PDB file of N, CA and C in Angstrom:
ATOM      1  N   UNK A   1    -121.307  20.572  33.722  1.00  0.00           N
ATOM      2  CA  UNK A   1    -121.641  19.324  34.341  1.00  0.00           C
ATOM      3  C   UNK A   1    -122.274  19.601  35.701  1.00  0.00           C
ATOM      4  N   UNK A   2    -123.364  18.959  35.979  1.00  0.00           N
ATOM      5  CA  UNK A   2    -124.061  19.131  37.244  1.00  0.00           C
ATOM      6  C   UNK A   2    -123.449  18.186  38.266  1.00  0.00           C
ATOM      7  N   UNK A   3    -123.032  18.757  39.368  1.00  0.00           N
ATOM      8  CA  UNK A   3    -122.436  17.951  40.421  1.00  0.00           C
ATOM      9  C   UNK A   3    -123.549  17.562  41.388  1.00  0.00           C
ATOM     10  N   UNK A   4    -123.872  16.274  41.428  1.00  0.00           N
ATOM     11  CA  UNK A   4    -124.932  15.796  42.311  1.00  0.00           C
ATOM     12  C   UNK A   4    -124.467  15.816  43.758  1.00  0.00           C
ATOM     13  N   UNK A   5    -123.366  15.206  44.019  1.00  0.00           N
ATOM     14  CA  UNK A   5    -122.773  15.269  45.350  1.00  0.00           C
ATOM     15  C   UNK A   5    -121.276  15.065  45.203  1.00  0.00           C
ATOM     16  N   UNK A   6    -120.552  15.546  46.180  1.00  0.00           N
ATOM     17  CA  UNK A   6    -119.107  15.476  46.099  1.00  0.00           C
ATOM     18  C   UNK A   6    -118.567  14.759  47.332  1.00  0.00           C
ATOM     19  N   UNK A   7    -117.474  14.070  47.127  1.00  0.00           N
ATOM     20  CA  UNK A   7    -116.806  13.375  48.211  1.00  0.00           C
ATOM     21  C   UNK A   7    -115.379  13.879  48.295  1.00  0.00           C
ATOM     22  N   UNK A   8    -114.912  14.056  49.517  1.00  0.00           N
ATOM     23  CA  UNK A   8    -113.547  14.499  49.721  1.00  0.00           C
ATOM     24  C   UNK A   8    -112.662  13.270  49.899  1.00  0.00           C
ATOM     25  N   UNK A   9    -111.693  13.099  48.993  1.00  0.00           N
ATOM     26  CA  UNK A   9    -110.815  11.941  49.028  1.00  0.00           C
ATOM     27  C   UNK A   9    -109.386  12.413  48.818  1.00  0.00           C
ATOM     28  N   UNK A  10    -108.615  12.436  49.871  1.00  0.00           N
ATOM     29  CA  UNK A  10    -107.215  12.852  49.840  1.00  0.00           C
ATOM     30  C   UNK A  10    -107.054  14.199  49.130  1.00  0.00           C
ATOM     31  N   UNK A  11    -107.758  15.169  49.599  1.00  0.00           N
ATOM     32  CA  UNK A  11    -107.702  16.542  49.101  1.00  0.00           C
ATOM     33  C   UNK A  11    -108.150  16.677  47.645  1.00  0.00           C
ATOM     34  N   UNK A  12    -108.882  15.702  47.123  1.00  0.00           N
ATOM     35  CA  UNK A  12    -109.441  15.794  45.780  1.00  0.00           C
ATOM     36  C   UNK A  12    -110.949  15.684  45.891  1.00  0.00           C
ATOM     37  N   UNK A  13    -111.643  16.411  45.059  1.00  0.00           N
ATOM     38  CA  UNK A  13    -113.095  16.326  45.039  1.00  0.00           C
ATOM     39  C   UNK A  13    -113.494  15.421  43.886  1.00  0.00           C
ATOM     40  N   UNK A  14    -114.227  14.371  44.193  1.00  0.00           N
ATOM     41  CA  UNK A  14    -114.658  13.419  43.184  1.00  0.00           C
ATOM     42  C   UNK A  14    -116.159  13.521  42.980  1.00  0.00           C
ATOM     43  N   UNK A  15    -116.582  13.458  41.761  1.00  0.00           N
ATOM     44  CA  UNK A  15    -117.991  13.457  41.415  1.00  0.00           C
ATOM     45  C   UNK A  15    -118.453  12.000  41.387  1.00  0.00           C
ATOM     46  N   UNK A  16    -119.743  11.753  41.540  1.00  0.00           N
ATOM     47  CA  UNK A  16    -120.270  10.391  41.562  1.00  0.00           C
ATOM     48  C   UNK A  16    -119.896   9.643  40.296  1.00  0.00           C
ATOM     49  N   UNK A  17    -119.899  10.302  39.146  1.00  0.00           N
ATOM     50  CA  UNK A  17    -119.525   9.618  37.912  1.00  0.00           C
ATOM     51  C   UNK A  17    -118.068   9.152  37.962  1.00  0.00           C
ATOM     52  N   UNK A  18    -117.199   9.920  38.619  1.00  0.00           N
ATOM     53  CA  UNK A  18    -115.820   9.491  38.777  1.00  0.00           C
ATOM     54  C   UNK A  18    -115.724   8.263  39.676  1.00  0.00           C
ATOM     55  N   UNK A  19    -116.560   8.206  40.699  1.00  0.00           N
ATOM     56  CA  UNK A  19    -116.561   7.039  41.582  1.00  0.00           C
ATOM     57  C   UNK A  19    -117.033   5.790  40.846  1.00  0.00           C
ATOM     58  N   UNK A  20    -118.013   5.952  39.977  1.00  0.00           N
ATOM     59  CA  UNK A  20    -118.499   4.806  39.198  1.00  0.00           C
ATOM     60  C   UNK A  20    -117.401   4.323  38.269  1.00  0.00           C
ATOM     61  N   UNK A  21    -116.667   5.247  37.659  1.00  0.00           N
ATOM     62  CA  UNK A  21    -115.568   4.851  36.783  1.00  0.00           C
ATOM     63  C   UNK A  21    -114.450   4.168  37.554  1.00  0.00           C
ATOM     64  N   UNK A  22    -114.260   4.560  38.815  1.00  0.00           N
ATOM     65  CA  UNK A  22    -113.251   3.902  39.626  1.00  0.00           C
ATOM     66  C   UNK A  22    -113.680   2.482  39.977  1.00  0.00           C
ATOM     67  N   UNK A  23    -114.982   2.266  40.160  1.00  0.00           N
ATOM     68  CA  UNK A  23    -115.491   0.946  40.518  1.00  0.00           C
ATOM     69  C   UNK A  23    -115.425   0.014  39.316  1.00  0.00           C
ATOM     70  N   UNK A  24    -115.863   0.498  38.169  1.00  0.00           N
ATOM     71  CA  UNK A  24    -115.842  -0.316  36.952  1.00  0.00           C
ATOM     72  C   UNK A  24    -114.491  -0.099  36.282  1.00  0.00           C
ATOM     73  N   UNK A  25    -113.634  -1.061  36.393  1.00  0.00           N
ATOM     74  CA  UNK A  25    -112.294  -0.887  35.866  1.00  0.00           C
ATOM     75  C   UNK A  25    -112.226  -1.280  34.386  1.00  0.00           C
ATOM     76  N   UNK A  26    -111.100  -1.015  33.826  1.00  0.00           N
ATOM     77  CA  UNK A  26    -110.850  -1.276  32.409  1.00  0.00           C
ATOM     78  C   UNK A  26    -110.994  -2.761  32.088  1.00  0.00           C
ATOM     79  N   UNK A  27    -110.408  -3.586  32.918  1.00  0.00           N
ATOM     80  CA  UNK A  27    -110.447  -5.025  32.654  1.00  0.00           C
ATOM     81  C   UNK A  27    -111.842  -5.605  32.788  1.00  0.00           C
ATOM     82  N   UNK A  28    -112.649  -5.041  33.674  1.00  0.00           N
ATOM     83  CA  UNK A  28    -114.023  -5.535  33.826  1.00  0.00           C
ATOM     84  C   UNK A  28    -114.870  -5.201  32.606  1.00  0.00           C
ATOM     85  N   UNK A  29    -114.639  -4.049  32.031  1.00  0.00           N
ATOM     86  CA  UNK A  29    -115.375  -3.671  30.824  1.00  0.00           C
ATOM     87  C   UNK A  29    -114.991  -4.592  29.666  1.00  0.00           C
ATOM     88  N   UNK A  30    -113.694  -4.872  29.537  1.00  0.00           N
ATOM     89  CA  UNK A  30    -113.250  -5.775  28.480  1.00  0.00           C
ATOM     90  C   UNK A  30    -113.782  -7.183  28.705  1.00  0.00           C
ATOM     91  N   UNK A  31    -113.793  -7.634  29.955  1.00  0.00           N
ATOM     92  CA  UNK A  31    -114.319  -8.968  30.254  1.00  0.00           C
ATOM     93  C   UNK A  31    -115.801  -9.056  29.926  1.00  0.00           C
ATOM     94  N   UNK A  32    -116.550  -7.994  30.168  1.00  0.00           N
ATOM     95  CA  UNK A  32    -117.970  -7.971  29.839  1.00  0.00           C
ATOM     96  C   UNK A  32    -118.162  -8.034  28.320  1.00  0.00           C
ATOM     97  N   UNK A  33    -117.331  -7.335  27.561  1.00  0.00           N
ATOM     98  CA  UNK A  33    -117.416  -7.406  26.105  1.00  0.00           C
ATOM     99  C   UNK A  33    -117.103  -8.803  25.586  1.00  0.00           C
ATOM    100  N   UNK A  34    -116.127  -9.458  26.193  1.00  0.00           N
ATOM    101  CA  UNK A  34    -115.801 -10.826  25.793  1.00  0.00           C
ATOM    102  C   UNK A  34    -116.964 -11.759  26.095  1.00  0.00           C
ATOM    103  N   UNK A  35    -117.587 -11.590  27.253  1.00  0.00           N
ATOM    104  CA  UNK A  35    -118.734 -12.424  27.621  1.00  0.00           C
ATOM    105  C   UNK A  35    -119.902 -12.220  26.665  1.00  0.00           C
ATOM    106  N   UNK A  36    -120.160 -10.987  26.298  1.00  0.00           N
ATOM    107  CA  UNK A  36    -121.228 -10.700  25.335  1.00  0.00           C
ATOM    108  C   UNK A  36    -120.871 -11.320  23.983  1.00  0.00           C
ATOM    109  N   UNK A  37    -119.615 -11.251  23.629  1.00  0.00           N
ATOM    110  CA  UNK A  37    -119.160 -11.766  22.341  1.00  0.00           C
ATOM    111  C   UNK A  37    -119.341 -13.284  22.242  1.00  0.00           C
ATOM    112  N   UNK A  38    -119.209 -13.982  23.339  1.00  0.00           N
ATOM    113  CA  UNK A  38    -119.377 -15.433  23.328  1.00  0.00           C
ATOM    114  C   UNK A  38    -120.795 -15.808  22.913  1.00  0.00           C
ATOM    115  N   UNK A  39    -121.769 -15.067  23.387  1.00  0.00           N
ATOM    116  CA  UNK A  39    -123.164 -15.392  23.101  1.00  0.00           C
ATOM    117  C   UNK A  39    -123.644 -14.895  21.746  1.00  0.00           C
ATOM    118  N   UNK A  40    -122.784 -14.249  20.991  1.00  0.00           N
ATOM    119  CA  UNK A  40    -123.137 -13.794  19.650  1.00  0.00           C
ATOM    120  C   UNK A  40    -122.610 -14.749  18.586  1.00  0.00           C
ATOM    121  N   UNK A  41    -122.600 -16.041  18.876  1.00  0.00           N
ATOM    122  CA  UNK A  41    -121.993 -17.009  17.966  1.00  0.00           C
ATOM    123  C   UNK A  41    -122.729 -17.127  16.645  1.00  0.00           C
ATOM    124  N   UNK A  42    -123.980 -16.732  16.586  1.00  0.00           N
ATOM    125  CA  UNK A  42    -124.719 -16.800  15.322  1.00  0.00           C
ATOM    126  C   UNK A  42    -124.475 -15.573  14.444  1.00  0.00           C
ATOM    127  N   UNK A  43    -123.869 -14.537  15.015  1.00  0.00           N
ATOM    128  CA  UNK A  43    -123.595 -13.303  14.278  1.00  0.00           C
ATOM    129  C   UNK A  43    -122.084 -13.106  14.205  1.00  0.00           C
ATOM    130  N   UNK A  44    -121.469 -13.800  13.272  1.00  0.00           N
ATOM    131  CA  UNK A  44    -120.007 -13.808  13.221  1.00  0.00           C
ATOM    132  C   UNK A  44    -119.410 -12.459  12.814  1.00  0.00           C
ATOM    133  N   UNK A  45    -120.115 -11.702  11.983  1.00  0.00           N
ATOM    134  CA  UNK A  45    -119.594 -10.386  11.590  1.00  0.00           C
ATOM    135  C   UNK A  45    -119.554  -9.441  12.788  1.00  0.00           C
ATOM    136  N   UNK A  46    -120.570  -9.524  13.633  1.00  0.00           N
ATOM    137  CA  UNK A  46    -120.604  -8.693  14.842  1.00  0.00           C
ATOM    138  C   UNK A  46    -119.502  -9.137  15.808  1.00  0.00           C
ATOM    139  N   UNK A  47    -119.259 -10.444  15.877  1.00  0.00           N
ATOM    140  CA  UNK A  47    -118.181 -10.950  16.716  1.00  0.00           C
ATOM    141  C   UNK A  47    -116.835 -10.387  16.293  1.00  0.00           C
ATOM    142  N   UNK A  48    -116.582 -10.364  15.007  1.00  0.00           N
ATOM    143  CA  UNK A  48    -115.298  -9.845  14.512  1.00  0.00           C
ATOM    144  C   UNK A  48    -115.169  -8.358  14.809  1.00  0.00           C
ATOM    145  N   UNK A  49    -116.247  -7.613  14.671  1.00  0.00           N
ATOM    146  CA  UNK A  49    -116.212  -6.182  14.976  1.00  0.00           C
ATOM    147  C   UNK A  49    -115.900  -5.955  16.455  1.00  0.00           C
ATOM    148  N   UNK A  50    -116.564  -6.719  17.331  1.00  0.00           N
ATOM    149  CA  UNK A  50    -116.309  -6.579  18.761  1.00  0.00           C
ATOM    150  C   UNK A  50    -114.879  -6.974  19.097  1.00  0.00           C
ATOM    151  N   UNK A  51    -114.362  -8.020  18.453  1.00  0.00           N
ATOM    152  CA  UNK A  51    -112.981  -8.428  18.710  1.00  0.00           C
ATOM    153  C   UNK A  51    -111.994  -7.365  18.250  1.00  0.00           C
ATOM    154  N   UNK A  52    -112.277  -6.696  17.154  1.00  0.00           N
ATOM    155  CA  UNK A  52    -111.395  -5.612  16.702  1.00  0.00           C
ATOM    156  C   UNK A  52    -111.436  -4.434  17.668  1.00  0.00           C
ATOM    157  N   UNK A  53    -112.619  -4.137  18.197  1.00  0.00           N
ATOM    158  CA  UNK A  53    -112.737  -3.080  19.207  1.00  0.00           C
ATOM    159  C   UNK A  53    -111.951  -3.462  20.460  1.00  0.00           C
ATOM    160  N   UNK A  54    -112.061  -4.729  20.858  1.00  0.00           N
ATOM    161  CA  UNK A  54    -111.291  -5.210  22.007  1.00  0.00           C
ATOM    162  C   UNK A  54    -109.791  -5.091  21.751  1.00  0.00           C
ATOM    163  N   UNK A  55    -109.371  -5.406  20.542  1.00  0.00           N
ATOM    164  CA  UNK A  55    -107.962  -5.314  20.186  1.00  0.00           C
ATOM    165  C   UNK A  55    -107.473  -3.870  20.317  1.00  0.00           C
ATOM    166  N   UNK A  56    -108.258  -2.928  19.824  1.00  0.00           N
ATOM    167  CA  UNK A  56    -107.882  -1.516  19.946  1.00  0.00           C
ATOM    168  C   UNK A  56    -107.855  -1.067  21.406  1.00  0.00           C
ATOM    169  N   UNK A  57    -108.834  -1.518  22.178  1.00  0.00           N
ATOM    170  CA  UNK A  57    -108.868  -1.175  23.601  1.00  0.00           C
ATOM    171  C   UNK A  57    -107.655  -1.752  24.325  1.00  0.00           C
ATOM    172  N   UNK A  58    -107.235  -2.942  23.934  1.00  0.00           N
ATOM    173  CA  UNK A  58    -106.058  -3.550  24.547  1.00  0.00           C
ATOM    174  C   UNK A  58    -104.790  -2.772  24.174  1.00  0.00           C
ATOM    175  N   UNK A  59    -104.742  -2.238  22.967  1.00  0.00           N
ATOM    176  CA  UNK A  59    -103.591  -1.417  22.573  1.00  0.00           C
ATOM    177  C   UNK A  59    -103.521  -0.165  23.439  1.00  0.00           C
ATOM    178  N   UNK A  60    -104.688   0.474  23.671  1.00  0.00           N
ATOM    179  CA  UNK A  60    -104.704   1.655  24.532  1.00  0.00           C
ATOM    180  C   UNK A  60    -104.321   1.295  25.963  1.00  0.00           C
ATOM    181  N   UNK A  61    -104.753   0.135  26.433  1.00  0.00           N
ATOM    182  CA  UNK A  61    -104.372  -0.315  27.765  1.00  0.00           C
ATOM    183  C   UNK A  61    -102.886  -0.588  27.876  1.00  0.00           C
ATOM    184  N   UNK A  62    -102.316  -1.143  26.825  1.00  0.00           N
ATOM    185  CA  UNK A  62    -100.877  -1.399  26.812  1.00  0.00           C
ATOM    186  C   UNK A  62    -100.085  -0.096  26.799  1.00  0.00           C
ATOM    187  N   UNK A  63    -100.559   0.868  26.037  1.00  0.00           N
ATOM    188  CA  UNK A  63     -99.913   2.191  26.025  1.00  0.00           C
ATOM    189  C   UNK A  63     -99.998   2.818  27.414  1.00  0.00           C
ATOM    190  N   UNK A  64    -101.140   2.673  28.062  1.00  0.00           N
ATOM    191  CA  UNK A  64    -101.316   3.203  29.408  1.00  0.00           C
ATOM    192  C   UNK A  64    -100.390   2.510  30.402  1.00  0.00           C
ATOM    193  N   UNK A  65    -100.166   1.219  30.222  1.00  0.00           N
ATOM    194  CA  UNK A  65     -99.264   0.470  31.099  1.00  0.00           C
ATOM    195  C   UNK A  65     -97.845   1.031  31.018  1.00  0.00           C
ATOM    196  N   UNK A  66     -97.388   1.353  29.818  1.00  0.00           N
ATOM    197  CA  UNK A  66     -96.042   1.880  29.647  1.00  0.00           C
ATOM    198  C   UNK A  66     -95.961   3.374  29.940  1.00  0.00           C
ATOM    199  N   UNK A  67     -97.088   4.075  29.850  1.00  0.00           N
ATOM    200  CA  UNK A  67     -97.087   5.518  30.055  1.00  0.00           C
ATOM    201  C   UNK A  67     -96.966   5.894  31.527  1.00  0.00           C
ATOM    202  N   UNK A  68     -97.538   5.097  32.413  1.00  0.00           N
ATOM    203  CA  UNK A  68     -97.585   5.454  33.825  1.00  0.00           C
ATOM    204  C   UNK A  68     -96.268   5.221  34.563  1.00  0.00           C
ATOM    205  N   UNK A  69     -95.435   4.322  34.066  1.00  0.00           N
ATOM    206  CA  UNK A  69     -94.234   3.940  34.791  1.00  0.00           C
ATOM    207  C   UNK A  69     -93.015   3.980  33.877  1.00  0.00           C
ATOM    208  N   UNK A  70     -91.895   3.662  34.480  1.00  0.00           N
ATOM    209  CA  UNK A  70     -90.672   3.578  33.681  1.00  0.00           C
ATOM    210  C   UNK A  70     -90.714   2.311  32.831  1.00  0.00           C
ATOM    211  N   UNK A  71     -89.867   2.264  31.824  1.00  0.00           N
ATOM    212  CA  UNK A  71     -89.831   1.127  30.906  1.00  0.00           C
ATOM    213  C   UNK A  71     -89.423  -0.156  31.635  1.00  0.00           C
ATOM    214  N   UNK A  72     -88.467  -0.044  32.533  1.00  0.00           N
ATOM    215  CA  UNK A  72     -87.997  -1.210  33.269  1.00  0.00           C
ATOM    216  C   UNK A  72     -89.081  -1.793  34.167  1.00  0.00           C
ATOM    217  N   UNK A  73     -89.834  -0.938  34.829  1.00  0.00           N
ATOM    218  CA  UNK A  73     -90.923  -1.401  35.686  1.00  0.00           C
ATOM    219  C   UNK A  73     -92.047  -2.006  34.868  1.00  0.00           C
ATOM    220  N   UNK A  74     -92.349  -1.407  33.724  1.00  0.00           N
ATOM    221  CA  UNK A  74     -93.427  -1.917  32.871  1.00  0.00           C
ATOM    222  C   UNK A  74     -93.098  -3.271  32.278  1.00  0.00           C
ATOM    223  N   UNK A  75     -91.832  -3.479  31.903  1.00  0.00           N
ATOM    224  CA  UNK A  75     -91.446  -4.754  31.315  1.00  0.00           C
ATOM    225  C   UNK A  75     -91.439  -5.891  32.331  1.00  0.00           C
ATOM    226  N   UNK A  76     -91.261  -5.573  33.600  1.00  0.00           N
ATOM    227  CA  UNK A  76     -91.269  -6.608  34.630  1.00  0.00           C
ATOM    228  C   UNK A  76     -92.652  -6.811  35.244  1.00  0.00           C
ATOM    229  N   UNK A  77     -93.628  -6.048  34.808  1.00  0.00           N
ATOM    230  CA  UNK A  77     -94.990  -6.156  35.342  1.00  0.00           C
ATOM    231  C   UNK A  77     -95.674  -7.404  34.785  1.00  0.00           C
ATOM    232  N   UNK A  78     -96.350  -8.195  35.637  1.00  0.00           N
ATOM    233  CA  UNK A  78     -97.072  -9.373  35.130  1.00  0.00           C
ATOM    234  C   UNK A  78     -98.275  -9.009  34.261  1.00  0.00           C
ATOM    235  N   UNK A  79     -98.727  -7.765  34.333  1.00  0.00           N
ATOM    236  CA  UNK A  79     -99.826  -7.324  33.490  1.00  0.00           C
ATOM    237  C   UNK A  79     -99.467  -7.326  32.011  1.00  0.00           C
ATOM    238  N   UNK A  80     -98.186  -7.210  31.727  1.00  0.00           N
ATOM    239  CA  UNK A  80     -97.724  -7.251  30.348  1.00  0.00           C
ATOM    240  C   UNK A  80     -98.017  -8.618  29.722  1.00  0.00           C
ATOM    241  N   UNK A  81     -97.851  -9.678  30.510  1.00  0.00           N
ATOM    242  CA  UNK A  81     -98.179 -11.028  30.033  1.00  0.00           C
ATOM    243  C   UNK A  81     -99.668 -11.133  29.702  1.00  0.00           C
ATOM    244  N   UNK A  82    -100.507 -10.493  30.531  1.00  0.00           N
ATOM    245  CA  UNK A  82    -101.953 -10.478  30.278  1.00  0.00           C
ATOM    246  C   UNK A  82    -102.251  -9.856  28.916  1.00  0.00           C
ATOM    247  N   UNK A  83    -101.623  -8.741  28.625  1.00  0.00           N
ATOM    248  CA  UNK A  83    -101.874  -8.075  27.349  1.00  0.00           C
ATOM    249  C   UNK A  83    -101.390  -8.921  26.175  1.00  0.00           C
ATOM    250  N   UNK A  84    -100.197  -9.482  26.278  1.00  0.00           N
ATOM    251  CA  UNK A  84     -99.665 -10.299  25.179  1.00  0.00           C
ATOM    252  C   UNK A  84    -100.531 -11.526  24.953  1.00  0.00           C
ATOM    253  N   UNK A  85    -100.904 -12.186  26.037  1.00  0.00           N
ATOM    254  CA  UNK A  85    -101.754 -13.370  25.940  1.00  0.00           C
ATOM    255  C   UNK A  85    -103.115 -13.014  25.328  1.00  0.00           C
ATOM    256  N   UNK A  86    -103.668 -11.865  25.715  1.00  0.00           N
ATOM    257  CA  UNK A  86    -104.950 -11.426  25.167  1.00  0.00           C
ATOM    258  C   UNK A  86    -104.844 -11.113  23.679  1.00  0.00           C
ATOM    259  N   UNK A  87    -103.751 -10.462  23.259  1.00  0.00           N
ATOM    260  CA  UNK A  87    -103.551 -10.185  21.835  1.00  0.00           C
ATOM    261  C   UNK A  87    -103.516 -11.476  21.022  1.00  0.00           C
ATOM    262  N   UNK A  88    -102.796 -12.462  21.523  1.00  0.00           N
ATOM    263  CA  UNK A  88    -102.691 -13.739  20.814  1.00  0.00           C
ATOM    264  C   UNK A  88    -104.063 -14.414  20.716  1.00  0.00           C
ATOM    265  N   UNK A  89    -104.813 -14.415  21.809  1.00  0.00           N
ATOM    266  CA  UNK A  89    -106.134 -15.044  21.792  1.00  0.00           C
ATOM    267  C   UNK A  89    -107.114 -14.323  20.875  1.00  0.00           C
ATOM    268  N   UNK A  90    -107.058 -13.002  20.851  1.00  0.00           N
ATOM    269  CA  UNK A  90    -107.951 -12.239  19.976  1.00  0.00           C
ATOM    270  C   UNK A  90    -107.621 -12.517  18.516  1.00  0.00           C
ATOM    271  N   UNK A  91    -106.345 -12.534  18.176  1.00  0.00           N
ATOM    272  CA  UNK A  91    -105.942 -12.819  16.787  1.00  0.00           C
ATOM    273  C   UNK A  91    -106.362 -14.228  16.390  1.00  0.00           C
ATOM    274  N   UNK A  92    -106.162 -15.192  17.279  1.00  0.00           N
ATOM    275  CA  UNK A  92    -106.559 -16.569  16.981  1.00  0.00           C
ATOM    276  C   UNK A  92    -108.067 -16.702  16.809  1.00  0.00           C
ATOM    277  N   UNK A  93    -108.831 -15.990  17.624  1.00  0.00           N
ATOM    278  CA  UNK A  93    -110.287 -16.089  17.501  1.00  0.00           C
ATOM    279  C   UNK A  93    -110.794 -15.422  16.232  1.00  0.00           C
ATOM    280  N   UNK A  94    -110.192 -14.312  15.821  1.00  0.00           N
ATOM    281  CA  UNK A  94    -110.593 -13.670  14.563  1.00  0.00           C
ATOM    282  C   UNK A  94    -110.306 -14.599  13.382  1.00  0.00           C
ATOM    283  N   UNK A  95    -109.145 -15.234  13.402  1.00  0.00           N
ATOM    284  CA  UNK A  95    -108.806 -16.182  12.322  1.00  0.00           C
ATOM    285  C   UNK A  95    -109.788 -17.354  12.292  1.00  0.00           C
ATOM    286  N   UNK A  96    -110.133 -17.876  13.449  1.00  0.00           N
ATOM    287  CA  UNK A  96    -111.061 -19.020  13.502  1.00  0.00           C
ATOM    288  C   UNK A  96    -112.447 -18.641  13.012  1.00  0.00           C
ATOM    289  N   UNK A  97    -112.903 -17.456  13.381  1.00  0.00           N
ATOM    290  CA  UNK A  97    -114.219 -17.012  12.930  1.00  0.00           C
ATOM    291  C   UNK A  97    -114.225 -16.818  11.418  1.00  0.00           C
ATOM    292  N   UNK A  98    -113.142 -16.268  10.885  1.00  0.00           N
ATOM    293  CA  UNK A  98    -113.056 -16.098   9.423  1.00  0.00           C
ATOM    294  C   UNK A  98    -113.026 -17.443   8.712  1.00  0.00           C
ATOM    295  N   UNK A  99    -112.352 -18.439   9.276  1.00  0.00           N
ATOM    296  CA  UNK A  99    -112.346 -19.777   8.686  1.00  0.00           C
ATOM    297  C   UNK A  99    -113.740 -20.383   8.713  1.00  0.00           C
ATOM    298  N   UNK A 100    -114.451 -20.193   9.822  1.00  0.00           N
ATOM    299  CA  UNK A 100    -115.824 -20.690   9.907  1.00  0.00           C
ATOM    300  C   UNK A 100    -116.719 -20.021   8.867  1.00  0.00           C
ATOM    301  N   UNK A 101    -116.541 -18.712   8.687  1.00  0.00           N
ATOM    302  CA  UNK A 101    -117.314 -18.007   7.669  1.00  0.00           C
ATOM    303  C   UNK A 101    -117.011 -18.550   6.280  1.00  0.00           C
ATOM    304  N   UNK A 102    -115.762 -18.869   6.005  1.00  0.00           N
ATOM    305  CA  UNK A 102    -115.394 -19.415   4.699  1.00  0.00           C
ATOM    306  C   UNK A 102    -116.023 -20.791   4.486  1.00  0.00           C
ATOM    307  N   UNK A 103    -116.043 -21.615   5.499  1.00  0.00           N
ATOM    308  CA  UNK A 103    -116.656 -22.934   5.407  1.00  0.00           C
ATOM    309  C   UNK A 103    -118.151 -22.810   5.175  1.00  0.00           C
ATOM    310  N   UNK A 104    -118.794 -21.918   5.882  1.00  0.00           N
ATOM    311  CA  UNK A 104    -120.245 -21.729   5.722  1.00  0.00           C
ATOM    312  C   UNK A 104    -120.553 -21.183   4.345  1.00  0.00           C
ATOM    313  N   UNK A 105    -119.779 -20.241   3.850  1.00  0.00           N
ATOM    314  CA  UNK A 105    -120.043 -19.673   2.526  1.00  0.00           C
ATOM    315  C   UNK A 105    -119.790 -20.705   1.425  1.00  0.00           C
ATOM    316  N   UNK A 106    -118.805 -21.577   1.620  1.00  0.00           N
ATOM    317  CA  UNK A 106    -118.557 -22.603   0.612  1.00  0.00           C
ATOM    318  C   UNK A 106    -119.654 -23.669   0.619  1.00  0.00           C
ATOM    319  N   UNK A 107    -120.196 -23.953   1.782  1.00  0.00           N
ATOM    320  CA  UNK A 107    -121.294 -24.929   1.831  1.00  0.00           C
ATOM    321  C   UNK A 107    -122.577 -24.334   1.263  1.00  0.00           C
ATOM    322  N   UNK A 108    -122.747 -23.029   1.349  1.00  0.00           N
ATOM    323  CA  UNK A 108    -123.914 -22.392   0.746  1.00  0.00           C
ATOM    324  C   UNK A 108    -123.832 -22.391  -0.765  1.00  0.00           C
ATOM    325  N   UNK A 109    -122.636 -22.349  -1.306  1.00  0.00           N
ATOM    326  CA  UNK A 109    -122.477 -22.384  -2.761  1.00  0.00           C
ATOM    327  C   UNK A 109    -122.820 -23.755  -3.336  1.00  0.00           C
ATOM    328  N   UNK A 110    -122.613 -24.789  -2.546  1.00  0.00           N
ATOM    329  CA  UNK A 110    -122.893 -26.150  -3.035  1.00  0.00           C
ATOM    330  C   UNK A 110    -124.389 -26.435  -3.128  1.00  0.00           C
ATOM    331  N   UNK A 111    -125.161 -25.729  -2.365  1.00  0.00           N
ATOM    332  CA  UNK A 111    -126.616 -25.972  -2.350  1.00  0.00           C
ATOM    333  C   UNK A 111    -127.260 -25.386  -3.525  1.00  0.00           C
TER     334      UNK A 111
END
């Protein structure tokens, strides 16, 4: 890896790519995917794929939440509510999109 420039931060050397990753956090990437997913309303199959990717990313985030701290601290963290709420919303949106697909496919059969 080519090091363009280095910064000294608390006795650690960070590369510019590491600084960019620190700026763009996990939640911002997921929020951007959700925003993109909203505008893909005409492509329901792509929406479901993106929602499944988001679901997997949320599972990794939840594992990371419990991995960094003790179990007691993780269970009292308000971020846990964010993950649970997000899981519920993703599952509900996948179900709704599948229902919409079923309605559209049934109306196509009538024609």
